Amino acid sequence: MYPVDLHMHTVASTHAYSTLHDYIAQAKAAGIKLFAITDHGPEMADAPHYWHFVNMRIWPRIVNGVGILRGIEANIKNTDGETDCVGHMRDSLDLVVAGFHEPVFPPADKDTHTTAMIAAMASGQVHIISHPGNPKFPVDIPAIAEAAARYNVALELNNSSFTHSRKGSEANCTEIAAAVKESGGWLSLGSDSHTAFTLGHFHECEKILNKVAFPRERILNVSPRRLLDFLESHGMTPVEEFAAL
């Protein structure tokens, strides 16, 4: 149903277990047409180095008919909305997902989290906010949904939040989906795979989409073209090789 996955990690984030080759093979087998590798930003303890992201420019765009986006899951660092995706890293990347991670941004209070998340969206340097329903980082949900629509940033439904990470996310994520629907914004679906075996798994996300009757036309993962149009609206240069997708 969704041929695009926008959140996963390779062995470059050492708490993950699959390679780029593994993901390509699984994407081909599962009918995924386009995916983004989004290893953790360099301020996480086991994240790849700055050079890892700069050197993504050497990746092929398409392998065996599968498109590969060069991405990062950056860390929101402070209430100014700064992230650890900086400098020449940005020149090599197609997609910046950003979110809160405890080793970089210790949980504080709802107002602090909301201010930081909205500032990250307002920076113009972020495309997607990862797992905004994490109960360890409560936010003002109507406010972040309104800001996401205003700044053309997608809020993520993260499938792993309902299976083995960020337990207790379901109520928040349901409220987020409803608020994004109300604001007219975008939702992004991410498997948050740490092994290739779960690439394209959105079954738990779909339960929430169905619960709030979320409009399919506001989900980025519906087609490669929709996602690429979204990125191009943020200034990404069209990628000739992706035209075949």
Foldseek 3Di string as FASTA:
>chain_A
DFLEAEAAEDCQQVVFHHDPVQLLVLSVVVVRAEYEHAFEAPVPPRHHDLVVLLPLQPDDQDDPRHGYFYHHAWEQAFLLQDTRCDDSSLVRGLAYEYEHDCVRDNQDDAVGLQSNLLNVLVVLSHAEYELQLQPSHHYDQLSNLLSCQVSQHAYEDEQVCPPPPSPPSVVSVLSNLLSNQVNVHAYEYHPHHSGSVSPPPCVVVVVSCVVNVRDPVRYQRRDPVSVQVSSVVSPDDDDPVVVVD
